[in-house]
Amino acid sequence: MKIGTFVLALLTVPAAVAVEPALSVTPEIEAAMVQIRAGEASCVLVREGAIVAEALGSGVLPLLTLLDENSSEMEGADLVDKIVGRAAAMMAIEGGVRSVTAMVMSEDARDLLQAHGIVVNARCYVPQILDRNFAGRCPMEQAVMEIEDSAEGVSALRTRLQQMGII
């Protein structure tokens, strides 16, 4: 999602959405957020006070790349991502992260992550993650809507991405 679309998403969020005044984060997590806001990364892993991996792209692909290529770095790390819905939460759980910080997070993702003992921080909580046209629920969210197991969720995401011709 481009920054302009991201801003549009924030501006079109219903008034009932919870918006936190500011995040209390470490300098490394703040540096990762700066990278994301600047469009230099889509998601970033922070471990022991250092950025250890990052990925750039759209949708869930950057996080899937981190899960595939940096799974050993994910265990116990802090994940910083632009937008976190249930699909991203499934990958974070599967990767074993200890915390997830996001600019925008769905309420469902927040609840799922917290149920797995993962600390969450978000600038804004929204009822759901929408598709790129704001016409309905994101197809990745639809793919995992009824799934509770993270391994099964990641598998369902891969299947959906293949069906869409993305991977």
N, C-alpha and C. Protein backbone atom coordinates (compact mmCIF):
# COMPACT_ATOMS: atom_id res chain seq x y z
N MET A 1 0.84 -1.16 0.00
CA MET A 1 0.00 0.00 0.00
C MET A 1 0.89 1.23 0.00
N LYS A 2 0.61 2.16 -0.88
CA LYS A 2 1.38 3.39 -0.93
C LYS A 2 1.01 4.28 0.24
N ILE A 3 1.91 5.19 0.58
CA ILE A 3 1.69 6.06 1.72
C ILE A 3 0.40 6.86 1.53
N GLY A 4 0.13 7.37 0.34
CA GLY A 4 -1.10 8.12 0.08
C GLY A 4 -2.33 7.28 0.36
N THR A 5 -2.31 6.02 -0.05
CA THR A 5 -3.43 5.12 0.22
C THR A 5 -3.54 4.86 1.70
N PHE A 6 -2.42 4.74 2.38
CA PHE A 6 -2.40 4.52 3.82
C PHE A 6 -3.06 5.69 4.53
N VAL A 7 -2.70 6.90 4.13
CA VAL A 7 -3.30 8.09 4.73
C VAL A 7 -4.79 8.12 4.45
N LEU A 8 -5.19 7.79 3.22
CA LEU A 8 -6.60 7.73 2.88
C LEU A 8 -7.31 6.72 3.76
N ALA A 9 -6.67 5.58 4.02
CA ALA A 9 -7.27 4.55 4.88
C ALA A 9 -7.49 5.11 6.28
N LEU A 10 -6.54 5.86 6.78
CA LEU A 10 -6.71 6.45 8.11
C LEU A 10 -7.81 7.50 8.12
N LEU A 11 -7.92 8.26 7.04
CA LEU A 11 -8.93 9.30 6.98
C LEU A 11 -10.34 8.75 6.80
N THR A 12 -10.46 7.54 6.25
CA THR A 12 -11.78 6.97 6.01
C THR A 12 -12.21 6.01 7.11
N VAL A 13 -11.43 5.92 8.18
CA VAL A 13 -11.76 5.05 9.30
C VAL A 13 -12.94 5.65 10.06
N PRO A 14 -13.92 4.83 10.46
CA PRO A 14 -15.06 5.34 11.20
C PRO A 14 -14.63 6.05 12.49
N ALA A 15 -15.43 6.99 12.94
CA ALA A 15 -15.11 7.79 14.12
C ALA A 15 -14.98 6.94 15.38
N ALA A 16 -15.59 5.76 15.42
CA ALA A 16 -15.56 4.92 16.61
C ALA A 16 -14.24 4.17 16.78
N VAL A 17 -13.33 4.31 15.85
CA VAL A 17 -12.05 3.60 15.91
C VAL A 17 -11.19 4.18 17.03
N ALA A 18 -10.55 3.29 17.77
CA ALA A 18 -9.67 3.73 18.85
C ALA A 18 -8.35 4.20 18.29
N VAL A 19 -7.94 5.40 18.64
CA VAL A 19 -6.66 5.94 18.21
C VAL A 19 -5.86 6.27 19.44
N GLU A 20 -4.68 5.67 19.53
CA GLU A 20 -3.81 5.93 20.67
C GLU A 20 -3.09 7.26 20.44
N PRO A 21 -2.90 8.06 21.48
CA PRO A 21 -2.23 9.35 21.30
C PRO A 21 -0.77 9.21 20.89
N ALA A 22 -0.08 8.21 21.39
CA ALA A 22 1.33 8.01 21.03
C ALA A 22 1.74 6.63 21.52
N LEU A 23 2.69 6.05 20.83
CA LEU A 23 3.21 4.76 21.23
C LEU A 23 4.42 4.95 22.14
N SER A 24 4.53 4.11 23.13
CA SER A 24 5.72 4.09 23.97
C SER A 24 6.58 2.95 23.45
N VAL A 25 7.62 3.31 22.71
CA VAL A 25 8.43 2.29 22.05
C VAL A 25 9.91 2.57 22.27
N THR A 26 10.72 1.54 22.04
CA THR A 26 12.16 1.70 22.14
C THR A 26 12.68 2.52 20.96
N PRO A 27 13.87 3.07 21.06
CA PRO A 27 14.44 3.81 19.92
C PRO A 27 14.57 2.96 18.67
N GLU A 28 14.86 1.66 18.82
CA GLU A 28 15.00 0.79 17.65
C GLU A 28 13.65 0.57 16.96
N ILE A 29 12.61 0.41 17.75
CA ILE A 29 11.28 0.25 17.16
C ILE A 29 10.84 1.55 16.51
N GLU A 30 11.15 2.66 17.12
CA GLU A 30 10.85 3.96 16.51
C GLU A 30 11.61 4.12 15.19
N ALA A 31 12.88 3.70 15.16
CA ALA A 31 13.66 3.77 13.92
C ALA A 31 13.02 2.91 12.83
N ALA A 32 12.51 1.74 13.22
CA ALA A 32 11.82 0.88 12.25
C ALA A 32 10.55 1.55 11.74
N MET A 33 9.83 2.21 12.63
CA MET A 33 8.61 2.91 12.22
C MET A 33 8.93 4.06 11.25
N VAL A 34 10.04 4.74 11.49
CA VAL A 34 10.47 5.80 10.59
C VAL A 34 10.75 5.23 9.21
N GLN A 35 11.44 4.08 9.14
CA GLN A 35 11.70 3.43 7.86
C GLN A 35 10.40 3.10 7.14
N ILE A 36 9.43 2.60 7.87
CA ILE A 36 8.15 2.23 7.28
C ILE A 36 7.42 3.48 6.79
N ARG A 37 7.37 4.51 7.60
CA ARG A 37 6.69 5.75 7.18
C ARG A 37 7.37 6.37 5.96
N ALA A 38 8.68 6.20 5.84
CA ALA A 38 9.43 6.76 4.70
C ALA A 38 9.31 5.89 3.46
N GLY A 39 8.68 4.73 3.57
CA GLY A 39 8.55 3.84 2.43
C GLY A 39 9.80 3.03 2.15
N GLU A 40 10.72 2.97 3.10
CA GLU A 40 11.96 2.23 2.93
C GLU A 40 11.82 0.76 3.31
N ALA A 41 10.76 0.43 4.04
CA ALA A 41 10.49 -0.94 4.45
C ALA A 41 8.99 -1.07 4.69
N SER A 42 8.48 -2.28 4.59
CA SER A 42 7.08 -2.54 4.89
C SER A 42 6.94 -3.20 6.25
N CYS A 43 7.93 -4.01 6.60
CA CYS A 43 7.97 -4.62 7.92
C CYS A 43 9.43 -4.82 8.32
N VAL A 44 9.65 -4.78 9.64
CA VAL A 44 11.01 -4.78 10.17
C VAL A 44 11.04 -5.67 11.42
N LEU A 45 12.11 -6.43 11.57
CA LEU A 45 12.34 -7.20 12.78
C LEU A 45 13.42 -6.53 13.62
N VAL A 46 13.13 -6.37 14.91
CA VAL A 46 14.09 -5.78 15.84
C VAL A 46 14.39 -6.84 16.91
N ARG A 47 15.67 -7.05 17.15
CA ARG A 47 16.09 -8.03 18.15
C ARG A 47 17.27 -7.47 18.92
N GLU A 48 17.17 -7.54 20.25
CA GLU A 48 18.26 -7.13 21.12
C GLU A 48 18.82 -5.75 20.76
N GLY A 49 17.93 -4.80 20.53
CA GLY A 49 18.33 -3.43 20.29
C GLY A 49 18.85 -3.12 18.90
N ALA A 50 18.62 -4.01 17.94
CA ALA A 50 19.10 -3.76 16.58
C ALA A 50 18.08 -4.25 15.56
N ILE A 51 18.03 -3.56 14.44
CA ILE A 51 17.22 -4.02 13.31
C ILE A 51 17.98 -5.16 12.67
N VAL A 52 17.34 -6.35 12.61
CA VAL A 52 18.03 -7.53 12.09
C VAL A 52 17.52 -7.97 10.72
N ALA A 53 16.33 -7.53 10.32
CA ALA A 53 15.81 -7.89 9.00
C ALA A 53 14.68 -6.93 8.65
N GLU A 54 14.50 -6.75 7.36
CA GLU A 54 13.41 -5.90 6.87
C GLU A 54 13.01 -6.38 5.49
N ALA A 55 11.80 -6.05 5.11
CA ALA A 55 11.30 -6.41 3.78
C ALA A 55 10.43 -5.27 3.27
N LEU A 56 10.41 -5.14 1.96
CA LEU A 56 9.65 -4.08 1.30
C LEU A 56 8.75 -4.71 0.27
N GLY A 57 7.53 -4.25 0.19
CA GLY A 57 6.58 -4.75 -0.79
C GLY A 57 5.17 -4.40 -0.36
N SER A 58 4.20 -5.02 -1.01
CA SER A 58 2.82 -4.69 -0.68
C SER A 58 2.10 -5.89 -0.08
N GLY A 59 1.06 -5.59 0.66
CA GLY A 59 0.24 -6.62 1.27
C GLY A 59 1.01 -7.44 2.29
N VAL A 60 0.71 -8.74 2.31
CA VAL A 60 1.35 -9.64 3.28
C VAL A 60 2.67 -10.23 2.78
N LEU A 61 3.01 -9.97 1.52
CA LEU A 61 4.23 -10.58 0.97
C LEU A 61 5.51 -10.23 1.74
N PRO A 62 5.73 -8.98 2.16
CA PRO A 62 6.96 -8.70 2.91
C PRO A 62 7.06 -9.51 4.20
N LEU A 63 5.96 -9.64 4.91
CA LEU A 63 5.99 -10.41 6.15
C LEU A 63 6.18 -11.90 5.86
N LEU A 64 5.57 -12.38 4.81
CA LEU A 64 5.77 -13.78 4.41
C LEU A 64 7.23 -14.02 4.04
N THR A 65 7.85 -13.05 3.39
CA THR A 65 9.28 -13.14 3.06
C THR A 65 10.12 -13.22 4.33
N LEU A 66 9.81 -12.36 5.31
CA LEU A 66 10.55 -12.42 6.58
C LEU A 66 10.37 -13.78 7.25
N LEU A 67 9.15 -14.30 7.23
CA LEU A 67 8.88 -15.61 7.84
C LEU A 67 9.67 -16.70 7.13
N ASP A 68 9.73 -16.66 5.80
CA ASP A 68 10.43 -17.68 5.04
C ASP A 68 11.95 -17.56 5.12
N GLU A 69 12.46 -16.34 5.08
CA GLU A 69 13.90 -16.14 4.97
C GLU A 69 14.59 -15.81 6.30
N ASN A 70 13.83 -15.43 7.31
CA ASN A 70 14.43 -15.00 8.57
C ASN A 70 13.70 -15.61 9.76
N SER A 71 13.22 -16.83 9.61
CA SER A 71 12.43 -17.44 10.69
C SER A 71 13.23 -17.56 11.99
N SER A 72 14.52 -17.81 11.89
CA SER A 72 15.32 -17.93 13.11
C SER A 72 15.45 -16.58 13.82
N GLU A 73 15.41 -15.50 13.06
CA GLU A 73 15.49 -14.15 13.64
C GLU A 73 14.16 -13.73 14.25
N MET A 74 13.05 -14.32 13.80
CA MET A 74 11.73 -13.92 14.29
C MET A 74 11.47 -14.36 15.72
N GLU A 75 11.95 -15.53 16.09
CA GLU A 75 11.69 -16.07 17.42
C GLU A 75 12.15 -15.10 18.49
N GLY A 76 11.21 -14.57 19.26
CA GLY A 76 11.52 -13.66 20.35
C GLY A 76 11.81 -12.22 19.93
N ALA A 77 11.65 -11.92 18.64
CA ALA A 77 11.94 -10.57 18.13
C ALA A 77 10.70 -9.68 18.25
N ASP A 78 10.91 -8.42 17.98
CA ASP A 78 9.83 -7.44 17.91
C ASP A 78 9.56 -7.18 16.43
N LEU A 79 8.31 -7.31 16.02
CA LEU A 79 7.91 -7.06 14.64
C LEU A 79 7.27 -5.69 14.56
N VAL A 80 7.71 -4.92 13.58
CA VAL A 80 7.11 -3.62 13.30
C VAL A 80 6.57 -3.70 11.88
N ASP A 81 5.28 -3.39 11.71
CA ASP A 81 4.64 -3.51 10.41
C ASP A 81 3.69 -2.33 10.20
N LYS A 82 3.41 -2.05 8.95
CA LYS A 82 2.55 -0.93 8.60
C LYS A 82 1.11 -1.20 9.00
N ILE A 83 0.58 -2.32 8.50
CA ILE A 83 -0.81 -2.69 8.75
C ILE A 83 -0.85 -4.14 9.18
N VAL A 84 -1.49 -4.41 10.31
CA VAL A 84 -1.56 -5.77 10.83
C VAL A 84 -3.02 -6.17 11.02
N GLY A 85 -3.41 -7.16 10.23
CA GLY A 85 -4.72 -7.78 10.38
C GLY A 85 -4.52 -9.20 10.85
N ARG A 86 -5.57 -9.98 10.80
CA ARG A 86 -5.50 -11.37 11.25
C ARG A 86 -4.47 -12.17 10.46
N ALA A 87 -4.35 -11.91 9.16
CA ALA A 87 -3.39 -12.64 8.33
C ALA A 87 -1.96 -12.40 8.81
N ALA A 88 -1.61 -11.13 9.03
CA ALA A 88 -0.27 -10.80 9.53
C ALA A 88 -0.07 -11.35 10.94
N ALA A 89 -1.12 -11.31 11.74
CA ALA A 89 -1.03 -11.86 13.09
C ALA A 89 -0.70 -13.34 13.06
N MET A 90 -1.31 -14.08 12.12
CA MET A 90 -1.02 -15.51 11.99
C MET A 90 0.47 -15.74 11.72
N MET A 91 1.05 -14.92 10.83
CA MET A 91 2.47 -15.08 10.51
C MET A 91 3.34 -14.69 11.69
N ALA A 92 2.94 -13.65 12.43
CA ALA A 92 3.70 -13.24 13.60
C ALA A 92 3.70 -14.34 14.66
N ILE A 93 2.54 -14.95 14.87
CA ILE A 93 2.44 -16.05 15.83
C ILE A 93 3.29 -17.22 15.37
N GLU A 94 3.19 -17.56 14.10
CA GLU A 94 3.96 -18.68 13.56
C GLU A 94 5.46 -18.43 13.69
N GLY A 95 5.87 -17.17 13.53
CA GLY A 95 7.28 -16.82 13.66
C GLY A 95 7.77 -16.73 15.09
N GLY A 96 6.85 -16.67 16.04
CA GLY A 96 7.23 -16.64 17.44
C GLY A 96 7.70 -15.30 17.96
N VAL A 97 7.21 -14.20 17.37
CA VAL A 97 7.63 -12.88 17.83
C VAL A 97 7.12 -12.62 19.25
N ARG A 98 7.78 -11.71 19.95
CA ARG A 98 7.34 -11.38 21.30
C ARG A 98 6.43 -10.16 21.33
N SER A 99 6.55 -9.29 20.30
CA SER A 99 5.68 -8.12 20.24
C SER A 99 5.44 -7.72 18.79
N VAL A 100 4.32 -7.03 18.58
CA VAL A 100 3.98 -6.49 17.26
C VAL A 100 3.58 -5.04 17.44
N THR A 101 4.25 -4.16 16.71
CA THR A 101 3.93 -2.74 16.69
C THR A 101 3.48 -2.39 15.28
N ALA A 102 2.37 -1.67 15.17
CA ALA A 102 1.82 -1.34 13.86
C ALA A 102 1.27 0.08 13.83
N MET A 103 1.25 0.64 12.65
CA MET A 103 0.57 1.91 12.47
C MET A 103 -0.93 1.69 12.59
N VAL A 104 -1.43 0.63 11.95
CA VAL A 104 -2.84 0.27 11.97
C VAL A 104 -2.95 -1.22 12.28
N MET A 105 -3.83 -1.57 13.22
CA MET A 105 -4.04 -2.97 13.57
C MET A 105 -5.54 -3.22 13.72
N SER A 106 -5.99 -4.35 13.19
CA SER A 106 -7.40 -4.70 13.38
C SER A 106 -7.62 -5.18 14.81
N GLU A 107 -8.84 -4.99 15.27
CA GLU A 107 -9.19 -5.45 16.62
C GLU A 107 -9.04 -6.97 16.72
N ASP A 108 -9.39 -7.67 15.65
CA ASP A 108 -9.26 -9.13 15.62
C ASP A 108 -7.79 -9.55 15.76
N ALA A 109 -6.90 -8.86 15.04
CA ALA A 109 -5.47 -9.17 15.14
C ALA A 109 -4.97 -8.90 16.56
N ARG A 110 -5.36 -7.78 17.12
CA ARG A 110 -4.97 -7.46 18.51
C ARG A 110 -5.38 -8.57 19.46
N ASP A 111 -6.64 -8.99 19.36
CA ASP A 111 -7.16 -10.02 20.26
C ASP A 111 -6.44 -11.36 20.06
N LEU A 112 -6.19 -11.72 18.80
CA LEU A 112 -5.51 -12.97 18.49
C LEU A 112 -4.08 -12.97 19.03
N LEU A 113 -3.36 -11.88 18.78
CA LEU A 113 -1.98 -11.77 19.26
C LEU A 113 -1.92 -11.82 20.78
N GLN A 114 -2.79 -11.08 21.43
CA GLN A 114 -2.80 -11.07 22.89
C GLN A 114 -3.15 -12.44 23.46
N ALA A 115 -4.03 -13.17 22.79
CA ALA A 115 -4.38 -14.52 23.23
C ALA A 115 -3.18 -15.46 23.18
N HIS A 116 -2.19 -15.13 22.35
CA HIS A 116 -0.96 -15.93 22.24
C HIS A 116 0.18 -15.32 23.05
N GLY A 117 -0.13 -14.38 23.91
CA GLY A 117 0.88 -13.80 24.79
C GLY A 117 1.81 -12.81 24.12
N ILE A 118 1.42 -12.30 22.97
CA ILE A 118 2.25 -11.35 22.23
C ILE A 118 1.81 -9.93 22.59
N VAL A 119 2.76 -9.10 22.94
CA VAL A 119 2.50 -7.71 23.30
C VAL A 119 2.17 -6.94 22.02
N VAL A 120 1.13 -6.12 22.06
CA VAL A 120 0.75 -5.34 20.88
C VAL A 120 0.79 -3.85 21.18
N ASN A 121 1.18 -3.09 20.18
CA ASN A 121 1.15 -1.63 20.17
C ASN A 121 0.65 -1.21 18.81
N ALA A 122 -0.27 -0.27 18.78
CA ALA A 122 -0.73 0.25 17.49
C ALA A 122 -1.12 1.70 17.64
N ARG A 123 -0.90 2.45 16.62
CA ARG A 123 -1.33 3.86 16.60
C ARG A 123 -2.84 3.93 16.48
N CYS A 124 -3.39 2.97 15.74
CA CYS A 124 -4.82 3.00 15.45
C CYS A 124 -5.35 1.58 15.37
N TYR A 125 -6.47 1.31 16.04
CA TYR A 125 -7.15 0.02 15.95
C TYR A 125 -8.41 0.21 15.13
N VAL A 126 -8.61 -0.69 14.15
CA VAL A 126 -9.77 -0.61 13.27
C VAL A 126 -10.57 -1.90 13.37
N PRO A 127 -11.86 -1.84 13.04
CA PRO A 127 -12.68 -3.05 13.12
C PRO A 127 -12.22 -4.16 12.18
N GLN A 128 -11.77 -3.78 10.97
CA GLN A 128 -11.31 -4.78 10.00
C GLN A 128 -10.37 -4.14 9.01
N ILE A 129 -9.60 -4.99 8.33
CA ILE A 129 -8.71 -4.54 7.26
C ILE A 129 -9.47 -4.71 5.94
N LEU A 130 -9.53 -3.63 5.17
CA LEU A 130 -10.27 -3.64 3.93
C LEU A 130 -9.37 -3.96 2.74
N ASP A 131 -9.99 -4.32 1.61
CA ASP A 131 -9.23 -4.54 0.38
C ASP A 131 -8.72 -3.20 -0.14
N ARG A 132 -7.92 -3.24 -1.18
CA ARG A 132 -7.28 -2.03 -1.70
C ARG A 132 -8.27 -1.00 -2.24
N ASN A 133 -9.46 -1.45 -2.60
CA ASN A 133 -10.49 -0.54 -3.12
C ASN A 133 -11.47 -0.09 -2.04
N PHE A 134 -11.25 -0.52 -0.81
CA PHE A 134 -12.14 -0.21 0.32
C PHE A 134 -13.56 -0.70 0.05
N ALA A 135 -13.68 -1.77 -0.74
CA ALA A 135 -15.00 -2.29 -1.12
C ALA A 135 -15.45 -3.44 -0.23
N GLY A 136 -14.57 -3.99 0.54
CA GLY A 136 -14.90 -5.12 1.41
C GLY A 136 -13.67 -5.58 2.15
N ARG A 137 -13.80 -6.67 2.85
CA ARG A 137 -12.70 -7.22 3.64
C ARG A 137 -11.55 -7.66 2.73
N CYS A 138 -10.34 -7.45 3.18
CA CYS A 138 -9.13 -7.87 2.48
C CYS A 138 -9.19 -9.37 2.19
N PRO A 139 -8.80 -9.80 0.98
CA PRO A 139 -8.85 -11.23 0.66
C PRO A 139 -7.94 -12.09 1.54
N MET A 140 -6.86 -11.52 2.05
CA MET A 140 -5.99 -12.28 2.95
C MET A 140 -6.70 -12.50 4.29
N GLU A 141 -7.43 -11.49 4.72
CA GLU A 141 -8.20 -11.62 5.96
C GLU A 141 -9.30 -12.67 5.79
N GLN A 142 -9.93 -12.67 4.62
CA GLN A 142 -10.97 -13.66 4.34
C GLN A 142 -10.40 -15.07 4.38
N ALA A 143 -9.17 -15.23 3.91
CA ALA A 143 -8.55 -16.55 3.84
C ALA A 143 -8.33 -17.18 5.21
N VAL A 144 -8.18 -16.34 6.24
CA VAL A 144 -7.88 -16.87 7.58
C VAL A 144 -8.97 -16.57 8.62
N MET A 145 -10.07 -16.03 8.17
CA MET A 145 -11.12 -15.56 9.08
C MET A 145 -11.57 -16.62 10.07
N GLU A 146 -11.72 -17.85 9.64
CA GLU A 146 -12.25 -18.91 10.50
C GLU A 146 -11.15 -19.83 11.06
N ILE A 147 -9.89 -19.47 10.84
CA ILE A 147 -8.77 -20.33 11.24
C ILE A 147 -8.18 -19.84 12.55
N GLU A 148 -7.91 -20.77 13.46
CA GLU A 148 -7.30 -20.44 14.75
C GLU A 148 -5.83 -20.84 14.82
N ASP A 149 -5.44 -21.91 14.13
CA ASP A 149 -4.07 -22.43 14.17
C ASP A 149 -3.19 -21.63 13.22
N SER A 150 -2.06 -21.12 13.72
CA SER A 150 -1.20 -20.25 12.90
C SER A 150 -0.58 -20.98 11.71
N ALA A 151 -0.16 -22.23 11.89
CA ALA A 151 0.43 -22.98 10.77
C ALA A 151 -0.62 -23.18 9.67
N GLU A 152 -1.82 -23.53 10.07
CA GLU A 152 -2.91 -23.69 9.10
C GLU A 152 -3.23 -22.35 8.44
N GLY A 153 -3.18 -21.26 9.21
CA GLY A 153 -3.43 -19.93 8.66
C GLY A 153 -2.40 -19.53 7.62
N VAL A 154 -1.13 -19.77 7.91
CA VAL A 154 -0.07 -19.43 6.95
C VAL A 154 -0.23 -20.26 5.69
N SER A 155 -0.59 -21.52 5.83
CA SER A 155 -0.83 -22.38 4.67
C SER A 155 -2.00 -21.84 3.83
N ALA A 156 -3.06 -21.43 4.48
CA ALA A 156 -4.22 -20.87 3.78
C ALA A 156 -3.84 -19.58 3.05
N LEU A 157 -2.98 -18.78 3.64
CA LEU A 157 -2.51 -17.55 2.98
C LEU A 157 -1.72 -17.87 1.73
N ARG A 158 -0.84 -18.85 1.83
CA ARG A 158 -0.06 -19.25 0.65
C ARG A 158 -0.98 -19.73 -0.47
N THR A 159 -1.97 -20.51 -0.10
CA THR A 159 -2.93 -21.01 -1.10
C THR A 159 -3.66 -19.85 -1.76
N ARG A 160 -4.13 -18.90 -0.97
CA ARG A 160 -4.85 -17.74 -1.53
C ARG A 160 -3.96 -16.92 -2.43
N LEU A 161 -2.70 -16.69 -2.02
CA LEU A 161 -1.76 -15.94 -2.85
C LEU A 161 -1.49 -16.65 -4.17
N GLN A 162 -1.41 -17.98 -4.15
CA GLN A 162 -1.23 -18.77 -5.37
C GLN A 162 -2.46 -18.65 -6.27
N GLN A 163 -3.64 -18.75 -5.67
CA GLN A 163 -4.89 -18.62 -6.44
C GLN A 163 -4.98 -17.27 -7.11
N MET A 164 -4.46 -16.24 -6.46
CA MET A 164 -4.50 -14.89 -7.01
C MET A 164 -3.35 -14.62 -7.99
N GLY A 165 -2.45 -15.61 -8.14
CA GLY A 165 -1.33 -15.46 -9.07
C GLY A 165 -0.24 -14.52 -8.55
N ILE A 166 -0.18 -14.34 -7.25
CA ILE A 166 0.80 -13.43 -6.66
C ILE A 166 2.10 -14.16 -6.35
N ILE A 167 2.00 -15.43 -5.96
CA ILE A 167 3.22 -16.23 -5.76
C ILE A 167 3.13 -17.50 -6.57
